[in-house]
PDB file of N, CA and C in Angstrom:
ATOM      1  N   MET A   1     168.047  78.879 -95.822  1.00  0.00           N
ATOM      2  CA  MET A   1     167.080  78.296 -94.920  1.00  0.00           C
ATOM      3  C   MET A   1     167.782  77.521 -93.811  1.00  0.00           C
ATOM      4  N   GLY A   2     168.853  76.811 -94.174  1.00  0.00           N
ATOM      5  CA  GLY A   2     169.597  76.032 -93.194  1.00  0.00           C
ATOM      6  C   GLY A   2     170.306  76.911 -92.174  1.00  0.00           C
ATOM      7  N   GLN A   3     170.821  78.071 -92.621  1.00  0.00           N
ATOM      8  CA  GLN A   3     171.518  78.988 -91.728  1.00  0.00           C
ATOM      9  C   GLN A   3     170.569  79.547 -90.677  1.00  0.00           C
ATOM     10  N   VAL A   4     169.332  79.868 -91.075  1.00  0.00           N
ATOM     11  CA  VAL A   4     168.348  80.404 -90.129  1.00  0.00           C
ATOM     12  C   VAL A   4     168.033  79.363 -89.073  1.00  0.00           C
ATOM     13  N   SER A   5     167.873  78.108 -89.483  1.00  0.00           N
ATOM     14  CA  SER A   5     167.588  77.036 -88.530  1.00  0.00           C
ATOM     15  C   SER A   5     168.758  76.834 -87.577  1.00  0.00           C
ATOM     16  N   GLN A   6     169.982  76.905 -88.102  1.00  0.00           N
ATOM     17  CA  GLN A   6     171.162  76.731 -87.265  1.00  0.00           C
ATOM     18  C   GLN A   6     171.281  77.879 -86.258  1.00  0.00           C
ATOM     19  N   ASP A   7     170.995  79.114 -86.675  1.00  0.00           N
ATOM     20  CA  ASP A   7     171.046  80.256 -85.773  1.00  0.00           C
ATOM     21  C   ASP A   7     170.021  80.104 -84.664  1.00  0.00           C
ATOM     22  N   LYS A   8     168.818  79.644 -85.012  1.00  0.00           N
ATOM     23  CA  LYS A   8     167.766  79.465 -84.016  1.00  0.00           C
ATOM     24  C   LYS A   8     168.154  78.377 -83.023  1.00  0.00           C
ATOM     25  N   ASP A   9     168.758  77.288 -83.516  1.00  0.00           N
ATOM     26  CA  ASP A   9     169.204  76.215 -82.636  1.00  0.00           C
ATOM     27  C   ASP A   9     170.277  76.712 -81.675  1.00  0.00           C
ATOM     28  N   GLN A  10     171.207  77.539 -82.173  1.00  0.00           N
ATOM     29  CA  GLN A  10     172.273  78.067 -81.334  1.00  0.00           C
ATOM     30  C   GLN A  10     171.694  78.989 -80.266  1.00  0.00           C
ATOM     31  N   THR A  11     170.741  79.846 -80.645  1.00  0.00           N
ATOM     32  CA  THR A  11     170.121  80.747 -79.687  1.00  0.00           C
ATOM     33  C   THR A  11     169.340  79.977 -78.637  1.00  0.00           C
ATOM     34  N   THR A  12     168.615  78.945 -79.064  1.00  0.00           N
ATOM     35  CA  THR A  12     167.853  78.130 -78.126  1.00  0.00           C
ATOM     36  C   THR A  12     168.787  77.406 -77.170  1.00  0.00           C
ATOM     37  N   LYS A  13     169.887  76.867 -77.705  1.00  0.00           N
ATOM     38  CA  LYS A  13     170.847  76.147 -76.876  1.00  0.00           C
ATOM     39  C   LYS A  13     171.494  77.087 -75.868  1.00  0.00           C
ATOM     40  N   MET A  14     171.830  78.316 -76.317  1.00  0.00           N
ATOM     41  CA  MET A  14     172.460  79.273 -75.430  1.00  0.00           C
ATOM     42  C   MET A  14     171.489  79.686 -74.320  1.00  0.00           C
ATOM     43  N   GLY A  15     170.219  79.903 -74.668  1.00  0.00           N
ATOM     44  CA  GLY A  15     169.226  80.273 -73.664  1.00  0.00           C
ATOM     45  C   GLY A  15     168.968  79.149 -72.681  1.00  0.00           C
ATOM     46  N   PHE A  16     168.901  77.905 -73.177  1.00  0.00           N
ATOM     47  CA  PHE A  16     168.674  76.764 -72.298  1.00  0.00           C
ATOM     48  C   PHE A  16     169.849  76.570 -71.353  1.00  0.00           C
ATOM     49  N   THR A  17     171.058  76.738 -71.856  1.00  0.00           N
ATOM     50  CA  THR A  17     172.247  76.594 -71.017  1.00  0.00           C
ATOM     51  C   THR A  17     172.262  77.656 -69.922  1.00  0.00           C
ATOM     52  N   ALA A  18     171.932  78.893 -70.270  1.00  0.00           N
ATOM     53  CA  ALA A  18     171.901  79.963 -69.274  1.00  0.00           C
ATOM     54  C   ALA A  18     170.834  79.697 -68.221  1.00  0.00           C
ATOM     55  N   MET A  19     169.690  79.183 -68.647  1.00  0.00           N
ATOM     56  CA  MET A  19     168.640  78.861 -67.685  1.00  0.00           C
ATOM     57  C   MET A  19     169.073  77.730 -66.753  1.00  0.00           C
ATOM     58  N   LEU A  20     169.728  76.725 -67.312  1.00  0.00           N
ATOM     59  CA  LEU A  20     170.173  75.595 -66.503  1.00  0.00           C
ATOM     60  C   LEU A  20     171.242  76.021 -65.507  1.00  0.00           C
ATOM     61  N   VAL A  21     172.201  76.802 -65.955  1.00  0.00           N
ATOM     62  CA  VAL A  21     173.260  77.278 -65.056  1.00  0.00           C
ATOM     63  C   VAL A  21     172.666  78.182 -63.976  1.00  0.00           C
ATOM     64  N   GLY A  22     171.741  79.052 -64.362  1.00  0.00           N
ATOM     65  CA  GLY A  22     171.091  79.917 -63.380  1.00  0.00           C
ATOM     66  C   GLY A  22     170.291  79.124 -62.364  1.00  0.00           C
ATOM     67  N   GLY A  23     169.595  78.098 -62.832  1.00  0.00           N
ATOM     68  CA  GLY A  23     168.803  77.274 -61.924  1.00  0.00           C
ATOM     69  C   GLY A  23     169.676  76.511 -60.946  1.00  0.00           C
ATOM     70  N   ILE A  24     170.747  75.926 -61.438  1.00  0.00           N
ATOM     71  CA  ILE A  24     171.666  75.190 -60.557  1.00  0.00           C
ATOM     72  C   ILE A  24     172.328  76.149 -59.566  1.00  0.00           C
ATOM     73  N   SER A  25     172.636  77.353 -60.020  1.00  0.00           N
ATOM     74  CA  SER A  25     173.233  78.347 -59.117  1.00  0.00           C
ATOM     75  C   SER A  25     172.247  78.745 -58.021  1.00  0.00           C
ATOM     76  N   GLY A  26     170.986  78.935 -58.391  1.00  0.00           N
ATOM     77  CA  GLY A  26     169.976  79.293 -57.392  1.00  0.00           C
ATOM     78  C   GLY A  26     169.802  78.210 -56.345  1.00  0.00           C
ATOM     79  N   THR A  27     169.722  76.966 -56.785  1.00  0.00           N
ATOM     80  CA  THR A  27     169.590  75.855 -55.838  1.00  0.00           C
ATOM     81  C   THR A  27     170.850  75.734 -54.989  1.00  0.00           C
ATOM     82  N   GLY A  28     172.013  75.897 -55.614  1.00  0.00           N
ATOM     83  CA  GLY A  28     173.270  75.824 -54.871  1.00  0.00           C
ATOM     84  C   GLY A  28     173.379  76.903 -53.810  1.00  0.00           C
ATOM     85  N   MET A  29     172.899  78.107 -54.122  1.00  0.00           N
ATOM     86  CA  MET A  29     172.943  79.190 -53.133  1.00  0.00           C
ATOM     87  C   MET A  29     172.070  78.866 -51.928  1.00  0.00           C
ATOM     88  N   HIS A  30     170.901  78.275 -52.190  1.00  0.00           N
ATOM     89  CA  HIS A  30     170.025  77.915 -51.075  1.00  0.00           C
ATOM     90  C   HIS A  30     170.663  76.818 -50.221  1.00  0.00           C
ATOM     91  N   MET A  31     171.264  75.838 -50.870  1.00  0.00           N
ATOM     92  CA  MET A  31     171.909  74.763 -50.117  1.00  0.00           C
ATOM     93  C   MET A  31     173.121  75.281 -49.337  1.00  0.00           C
ATOM     94  N   MET A  32     173.859  76.212 -49.926  1.00  0.00           N
ATOM     95  CA  MET A  32     175.000  76.810 -49.227  1.00  0.00           C
ATOM     96  C   MET A  32     174.525  77.603 -48.013  1.00  0.00           C
ATOM     97  N   ASN A  33     173.416  78.299 -48.164  1.00  0.00           N
ATOM     98  CA  ASN A  33     172.847  79.041 -47.045  1.00  0.00           C
ATOM     99  C   ASN A  33     172.475  78.089 -45.918  1.00  0.00           C
ATOM    100  N   ASN A  34     171.854  76.949 -46.258  1.00  0.00           N
ATOM    101  CA  ASN A  34     171.514  75.958 -45.234  1.00  0.00           C
ATOM    102  C   ASN A  34     172.781  75.397 -44.587  1.00  0.00           C
ATOM    103  N   ALA A  35     173.830  75.166 -45.384  1.00  0.00           N
ATOM    104  CA  ALA A  35     175.067  74.626 -44.833  1.00  0.00           C
ATOM    105  C   ALA A  35     175.730  75.625 -43.879  1.00  0.00           C
ATOM    106  N   LEU A  36     175.704  76.904 -44.237  1.00  0.00           N
ATOM    107  CA  LEU A  36     176.302  77.917 -43.374  1.00  0.00           C
ATOM    108  C   LEU A  36     175.539  78.063 -42.064  1.00  0.00           C
ATOM    109  N   HIS A  37     174.241  77.864 -42.111  1.00  0.00           N
ATOM    110  CA  HIS A  37     173.428  77.932 -40.889  1.00  0.00           C
ATOM    111  C   HIS A  37     173.471  76.636 -40.100  1.00  0.00           C
ATOM    112  N   LYS A  38     174.186  75.626 -40.636  1.00  0.00           N
ATOM    113  CA  LYS A  38     174.339  74.314 -40.013  1.00  0.00           C
ATOM    114  C   LYS A  38     172.992  73.656 -39.741  1.00  0.00           C
ATOM    115  N   VAL A  39     172.123  73.740 -40.739  1.00  0.00           N
ATOM    116  CA  VAL A  39     170.836  73.032 -40.706  1.00  0.00           C
ATOM    117  C   VAL A  39     170.884  72.003 -41.828  1.00  0.00           C
ATOM    118  N   PRO A  40     170.006  71.002 -41.790  1.00  0.00           N
ATOM    119  CA  PRO A  40     170.021  70.000 -42.866  1.00  0.00           C
ATOM    120  C   PRO A  40     169.853  70.659 -44.236  1.00  0.00           C
ATOM    121  N   LEU A  41     170.591  70.142 -45.223  1.00  0.00           N
ATOM    122  CA  LEU A  41     170.533  70.716 -46.563  1.00  0.00           C
ATOM    123  C   LEU A  41     169.140  70.601 -47.167  1.00  0.00           C
ATOM    124  N   SER A  42     168.382  69.598 -46.756  1.00  0.00           N
ATOM    125  CA  SER A  42     167.046  69.388 -47.324  1.00  0.00           C
ATOM    126  C   SER A  42     165.969  70.170 -46.584  1.00  0.00           C
ATOM    127  N   ARG A  43     166.355  71.083 -45.712  1.00  0.00           N
ATOM    128  CA  ARG A  43     165.366  71.892 -45.000  1.00  0.00           C
ATOM    129  C   ARG A  43     164.678  72.831 -45.983  1.00  0.00           C
ATOM    130  N   GLN A  44     163.388  72.969 -45.875  1.00  0.00           N
ATOM    131  CA  GLN A  44     162.551  73.782 -46.760  1.00  0.00           C
ATOM    132  C   GLN A  44     162.809  73.442 -48.233  1.00  0.00           C
ATOM    133  N   PRO A  45     162.460  72.214 -48.650  1.00  0.00           N
ATOM    134  CA  PRO A  45     162.776  71.790 -50.017  1.00  0.00           C
ATOM    135  C   PRO A  45     162.030  72.584 -51.096  1.00  0.00           C
ATOM    136  N   TRP A  46     160.919  73.217 -50.763  1.00  0.00           N
ATOM    137  CA  TRP A  46     160.212  74.017 -51.753  1.00  0.00           C
ATOM    138  C   TRP A  46     161.045  75.223 -52.187  1.00  0.00           C
ATOM    139  N   LEU A  47     161.941  75.674 -51.317  1.00  0.00           N
ATOM    140  CA  LEU A  47     162.815  76.785 -51.697  1.00  0.00           C
ATOM    141  C   LEU A  47     163.875  76.344 -52.701  1.00  0.00           C
ATOM    142  N   HIS A  48     164.260  75.054 -52.682  1.00  0.00           N
ATOM    143  CA  HIS A  48     165.186  74.553 -53.707  1.00  0.00           C
ATOM    144  C   HIS A  48     164.571  74.785 -55.083  1.00  0.00           C
ATOM    145  N   ILE A  49     163.310  74.427 -55.203  1.00  0.00           N
ATOM    146  CA  ILE A  49     162.614  74.575 -56.484  1.00  0.00           C
ATOM    147  C   ILE A  49     162.408  76.052 -56.813  1.00  0.00           C
ATOM    148  N   GLY A  50     162.009  76.826 -55.810  1.00  0.00           N
ATOM    149  CA  GLY A  50     161.791  78.253 -56.028  1.00  0.00           C
ATOM    150  C   GLY A  50     163.046  78.970 -56.486  1.00  0.00           C
ATOM    151  N   TYR A  51     164.158  78.695 -55.822  1.00  0.00           N
ATOM    152  CA  TYR A  51     165.412  79.332 -56.205  1.00  0.00           C
ATOM    153  C   TYR A  51     165.932  78.809 -57.540  1.00  0.00           C
ATOM    154  N   PHE A  52     165.618  77.545 -57.859  1.00  0.00           N
ATOM    155  CA  PHE A  52     165.994  77.027 -59.172  1.00  0.00           C
ATOM    156  C   PHE A  52     165.298  77.828 -60.263  1.00  0.00           C
ATOM    157  N   PHE A  53     163.982  78.026 -60.122  1.00  0.00           N
ATOM    158  CA  PHE A  53     163.249  78.775 -61.140  1.00  0.00           C
ATOM    159  C   PHE A  53     163.636  80.252 -61.146  1.00  0.00           C
ATOM    160  N   LEU A  54     163.919  80.806 -59.991  1.00  0.00           N
ATOM    161  CA  LEU A  54     164.372  82.202 -59.944  1.00  0.00           C
ATOM    162  C   LEU A  54     165.721  82.356 -60.658  1.00  0.00           C
ATOM    163  N   GLY A  55     166.629  81.438 -60.402  1.00  0.00           N
ATOM    164  CA  GLY A  55     167.928  81.471 -61.082  1.00  0.00           C
ATOM    165  C   GLY A  55     167.788  81.264 -62.578  1.00  0.00           C
ATOM    166  N   ALA A  56     166.877  80.369 -62.993  1.00  0.00           N
ATOM    167  CA  ALA A  56     166.649  80.137 -64.420  1.00  0.00           C
ATOM    168  C   ALA A  56     166.079  81.385 -65.084  1.00  0.00           C
ATOM    169  N   TYR A  57     165.164  82.066 -64.403  1.00  0.00           N
ATOM    170  CA  TYR A  57     164.586  83.305 -64.937  1.00  0.00           C
ATOM    171  C   TYR A  57     165.662  84.379 -65.102  1.00  0.00           C
ATOM    172  N   ILE A  58     166.504  84.523 -64.091  1.00  0.00           N
ATOM    173  CA  ILE A  58     167.574  85.519 -64.167  1.00  0.00           C
ATOM    174  C   ILE A  58     168.563  85.157 -65.268  1.00  0.00           C
ATOM    175  N   GLY A  59     168.866  83.872 -65.415  1.00  0.00           N
ATOM    176  CA  GLY A  59     169.767  83.441 -66.481  1.00  0.00           C
ATOM    177  C   GLY A  59     169.219  83.764 -67.858  1.00  0.00           C
ATOM    178  N   GLN A  60     167.925  83.558 -68.049  1.00  0.00           N
ATOM    179  CA  GLN A  60     167.312  83.870 -69.348  1.00  0.00           C
ATOM    180  C   GLN A  60     167.293  85.376 -69.597  1.00  0.00           C
ATOM    181  N   LYS A  61     166.985  86.145 -68.574  1.00  0.00           N
ATOM    182  CA  LYS A  61     166.974  87.600 -68.726  1.00  0.00           C
ATOM    183  C   LYS A  61     168.373  88.132 -69.022  1.00  0.00           C
ATOM    184  N   TRP A  62     169.400  87.488 -68.457  1.00  0.00           N
ATOM    185  CA  TRP A  62     170.774  87.907 -68.706  1.00  0.00           C
ATOM    186  C   TRP A  62     171.131  87.759 -70.184  1.00  0.00           C
ATOM    187  N   VAL A  63     170.730  86.636 -70.777  1.00  0.00           N
ATOM    188  CA  VAL A  63     171.002  86.406 -72.201  1.00  0.00           C
ATOM    189  C   VAL A  63     170.334  87.489 -73.043  1.00  0.00           C
ATOM    190  N   ASN A  64     169.067  87.792 -72.732  1.00  0.00           N
ATOM    191  CA  ASN A  64     168.351  88.822 -73.493  1.00  0.00           C
ATOM    192  C   ASN A  64     168.974  90.200 -73.290  1.00  0.00           C
ATOM    193  N   LEU A  65     169.381  90.504 -72.059  1.00  0.00           N
ATOM    194  CA  LEU A  65     170.000  91.797 -71.770  1.00  0.00           C
ATOM    195  C   LEU A  65     171.322  91.935 -72.522  1.00  0.00           C
ATOM    196  N   GLU A  66     172.125  90.880 -72.488  1.00  0.00           N
ATOM    197  CA  GLU A  66     173.414  90.924 -73.176  1.00  0.00           C
ATOM    198  C   GLU A  66     173.229  91.096 -74.689  1.00  0.00           C
ATOM    199  N   ARG A  67     172.242  90.409 -75.251  1.00  0.00           N
ATOM    200  CA  ARG A  67     171.957  90.522 -76.682  1.00  0.00           C
ATOM    201  C   ARG A  67     171.530  91.952 -77.025  1.00  0.00           C
ATOM    202  N   ASP A  68     170.636  92.519 -76.226  1.00  0.00           N
ATOM    203  CA  ASP A  68     170.174  93.886 -76.481  1.00  0.00           C
ATOM    204  C   ASP A  68     171.313  94.895 -76.368  1.00  0.00           C
ATOM    205  N   LEU A  69     172.207  94.689 -75.397  1.00  0.00           N
ATOM    206  CA  LEU A  69     173.334  95.604 -75.242  1.00  0.00           C
ATOM    207  C   LEU A  69     174.278  95.550 -76.443  1.00  0.00           C
ATOM    208  N   VAL A  70     174.546  94.352 -76.944  1.00  0.00           N
ATOM    209  CA  VAL A  70     175.427  94.232 -78.110  1.00  0.00           C
ATOM    210  C   VAL A  70     174.792  94.891 -79.331  1.00  0.00           C
ATOM    211  N   ILE A  71     173.486  94.703 -79.492  1.00  0.00           N
ATOM    212  CA  ILE A  71     172.789  95.336 -80.616  1.00  0.00           C
ATOM    213  C   ILE A  71     172.868  96.860 -80.492  1.00  0.00           C
ATOM    214  N   ASP A  72     172.636  97.387 -79.285  1.00  0.00           N
ATOM    215  CA  ASP A  72     172.715  98.835 -79.077  1.00  0.00           C
ATOM    216  C   ASP A  72     174.131  99.362 -79.338  1.00  0.00           C
ATOM    217  N   ILE A  73     175.127  98.638 -78.837  1.00  0.00           N
ATOM    218  CA  ILE A  73     176.511  99.071 -79.045  1.00  0.00           C
ATOM    219  C   ILE A  73     176.853  99.087 -80.531  1.00  0.00           C
ATOM    220  N   ASN A  74     176.418  98.050 -81.251  1.00  0.00           N
ATOM    221  CA  ASN A  74     176.718  98.003 -82.686  1.00  0.00           C
ATOM    222  C   ASN A  74     175.976  99.097 -83.453  1.00  0.00           C
ATOM    223  N   GLU A  75     174.775  99.460 -83.011  1.00  0.00           N
ATOM    224  CA  GLU A  75     174.059 100.571 -83.648  1.00  0.00           C
ATOM    225  C   GLU A  75     174.789 101.889 -83.406  1.00  0.00           C
ATOM    226  N   ILE A  76     175.278 102.094 -82.190  1.00  0.00           N
ATOM    227  CA  ILE A  76     176.028 103.317 -81.883  1.00  0.00           C
ATOM    228  C   ILE A  76     177.312 103.366 -82.705  1.00  0.00           C
ATOM    229  N   ARG A  77     177.993 102.219 -82.801  1.00  0.00           N
ATOM    230  CA  ARG A  77     179.218 102.174 -83.595  1.00  0.00           C
ATOM    231  C   ARG A  77     178.925 102.423 -85.070  1.00  0.00           C
ATOM    232  N   ALA A  78     177.783 101.923 -85.569  1.00  0.00           N
ATOM    233  CA  ALA A  78     177.418 102.147 -86.968  1.00  0.00           C
ATOM    234  C   ALA A  78     177.126 103.631 -87.208  1.00  0.00           C
ATOM    235  N   ASP A  79     176.489 104.299 -86.236  1.00  0.00           N
ATOM    236  CA  ASP A  79     176.216 105.726 -86.375  1.00  0.00           C
ATOM    237  C   ASP A  79     177.502 106.544 -86.438  1.00  0.00           C
ATOM    238  N   LYS A  80     178.538 106.084 -85.744  1.00  0.00           N
ATOM    239  CA  LYS A  80     179.820 106.780 -85.751  1.00  0.00           C
ATOM    240  C   LYS A  80     180.708 106.366 -86.913  1.00  0.00           C
ATOM    241  N   GLY A  81     180.223 105.433 -87.734  1.00  0.00           N
ATOM    242  CA  GLY A  81     180.993 104.982 -88.879  1.00  0.00           C
ATOM    243  C   GLY A  81     182.021 103.914 -88.545  1.00  0.00           C
ATOM    244  N   LEU A  82     181.885 103.271 -87.394  1.00  0.00           N
ATOM    245  CA  LEU A  82     182.822 102.228 -86.984  1.00  0.00           C
ATOM    246  C   LEU A  82     182.240 100.855 -87.315  1.00  0.00           C
ATOM    247  N   PRO A  83     183.082  99.858 -87.469  1.00  0.00           N
ATOM    248  CA  PRO A  83     182.568  98.502 -87.709  1.00  0.00           C
ATOM    249  C   PRO A  83     181.952  97.937 -86.425  1.00  0.00           C
ATOM    250  N   PRO A  84     181.160  96.863 -86.544  1.00  0.00           N
ATOM    251  CA  PRO A  84     180.584  96.245 -85.338  1.00  0.00           C
ATOM    252  C   PRO A  84     181.678  95.686 -84.424  1.00  0.00           C
ATOM    253  N   MET A  85     181.311  95.407 -83.191  1.00  0.00           N
ATOM    254  CA  MET A  85     182.260  94.819 -82.247  1.00  0.00           C
ATOM    255  C   MET A  85     182.829  93.532 -82.821  1.00  0.00           C
ATOM    256  N   VAL A  86     184.084  93.281 -82.564  1.00  0.00           N
ATOM    257  CA  VAL A  86     184.751  92.095 -83.082  1.00  0.00           C
ATOM    258  C   VAL A  86     184.092  90.850 -82.491  1.00  0.00           C
ATOM    259  N   GLY A  87     183.686  89.943 -83.366  1.00  0.00           N
ATOM    260  CA  GLY A  87     183.124  88.678 -82.930  1.00  0.00           C
ATOM    261  C   GLY A  87     181.665  88.721 -82.533  1.00  0.00           C
ATOM    262  N   SER A  88     181.019  89.874 -82.580  1.00  0.00           N
ATOM    263  CA  SER A  88     179.625  89.926 -82.137  1.00  0.00           C
ATOM    264  C   SER A  88     178.695  89.220 -83.113  1.00  0.00           C
ATOM    265  N   ASP A  89     179.075  89.128 -84.373  1.00  0.00           N
ATOM    266  CA  ASP A  89     178.216  88.447 -85.343  1.00  0.00           C
ATOM    267  C   ASP A  89     178.316  86.928 -85.203  1.00  0.00           C
ATOM    268  N   ALA A  90     179.336  86.444 -84.514  1.00  0.00           N
ATOM    269  CA  ALA A  90     179.517  84.999 -84.370  1.00  0.00           C
ATOM    270  C   ALA A  90     178.509  84.392 -83.402  1.00  0.00           C
ATOM    271  N   TRP A  91     178.070  85.147 -82.397  1.00  0.00           N
ATOM    272  CA  TRP A  91     177.156  84.560 -81.420  1.00  0.00           C
ATOM    273  C   TRP A  91     175.815  85.269 -81.343  1.00  0.00           C
ATOM    274  N   ILE A  92     175.691  86.434 -81.921  1.00  0.00           N
ATOM    275  CA  ILE A  92     174.401  87.120 -82.016  1.00  0.00           C
ATOM    276  C   ILE A  92     174.238  87.593 -83.446  1.00  0.00           C
ATOM    277  N   LYS A  93     173.262  87.054 -84.118  1.00  0.00           N
ATOM    278  CA  LYS A  93     172.999  87.474 -85.488  1.00  0.00           C
ATOM    279  C   LYS A  93     172.123  88.720 -85.419  1.00  0.00           C
ATOM    280  N   TYR A  94     172.706  89.830 -85.741  1.00  0.00           N
ATOM    281  CA  TYR A  94     171.976  91.087 -85.679  1.00  0.00           C
ATOM    282  C   TYR A  94     171.751  91.598 -87.093  1.00  0.00           C
ATOM    283  N   LYS A  95     170.806  92.490 -87.188  1.00  0.00           N
ATOM    284  CA  LYS A  95     170.497  93.083 -88.494  1.00  0.00           C
ATOM    285  C   LYS A  95     171.544  94.158 -88.787  1.00  0.00           C
ATOM    286  N   LYS A  96     172.256  93.976 -89.874  1.00  0.00           N
ATOM    287  CA  LYS A  96     173.298  94.945 -90.233  1.00  0.00           C
ATOM    288  C   LYS A  96     172.652  96.254 -90.655  1.00  0.00           C
ATOM    289  N   PRO A  97     173.230  97.370 -90.280  1.00  0.00           N
ATOM    290  CA  PRO A  97     172.648  98.653 -90.640  1.00  0.00           C
ATOM    291  C   PRO A  97     172.653  98.858 -92.145  1.00  0.00           C
ATOM    292  N   GLU A  98     171.565  99.441 -92.610  1.00  0.00           N
ATOM    293  CA  GLU A  98     171.437  99.712 -94.043  1.00  0.00           C
ATOM    294  C   GLU A  98     172.120 101.032 -94.352  1.00  0.00           C
ATOM    295  N   THR A  99     172.830 101.067 -95.451  1.00  0.00           N
ATOM    296  CA  THR A  99     173.489 102.311 -95.844  1.00  0.00           C
ATOM    297  C   THR A  99     172.650 102.974 -96.926  1.00  0.00           C
ATOM    298  N   ASP A 100     172.583 104.272 -96.867  1.00  0.00           N
ATOM    299  CA  ASP A 100     171.842 105.020 -97.880  1.00  0.00           C
ATOM    300  C   ASP A 100     172.758 105.248 -99.080  1.00  0.00           C
ATOM    301  N   SER A 101     172.388 104.687-100.200  1.00  0.00           N
ATOM    302  CA  SER A 101     173.170 104.904-101.412  1.00  0.00           C
ATOM    303  C   SER A 101     172.398 105.859-102.321  1.00  0.00           C
ATOM    304  N   LEU A 102     173.032 106.940-102.657  1.00  0.00           N
ATOM    305  CA  LEU A 102     172.374 107.956-103.478  1.00  0.00           C
ATOM    306  C   LEU A 102     172.656 107.766-104.927  1.00  0.00           C
TER     307      LEU A 102
END
């Protein structure tokens, strides 16, 4: 029971971190664009918020995409009789393939 809670906390923390980094990147890109155009950094402040949420959305989707890709790769490797990718179980808890025992 404790392991499941710890895995969920790690996944939540990883998703929150990706959203935060994506949001800060989105806001930073907008501010950099204003700086390159030599206009005040606070010009169109609603876009700071918009780009923050857009970056956070992309950051969250990236985590989900990466997780799905690792799961797919490990399924393909299991079909070929190979072990899962090294270290993939440390950060993504995936369902191990079931073997048919006759």
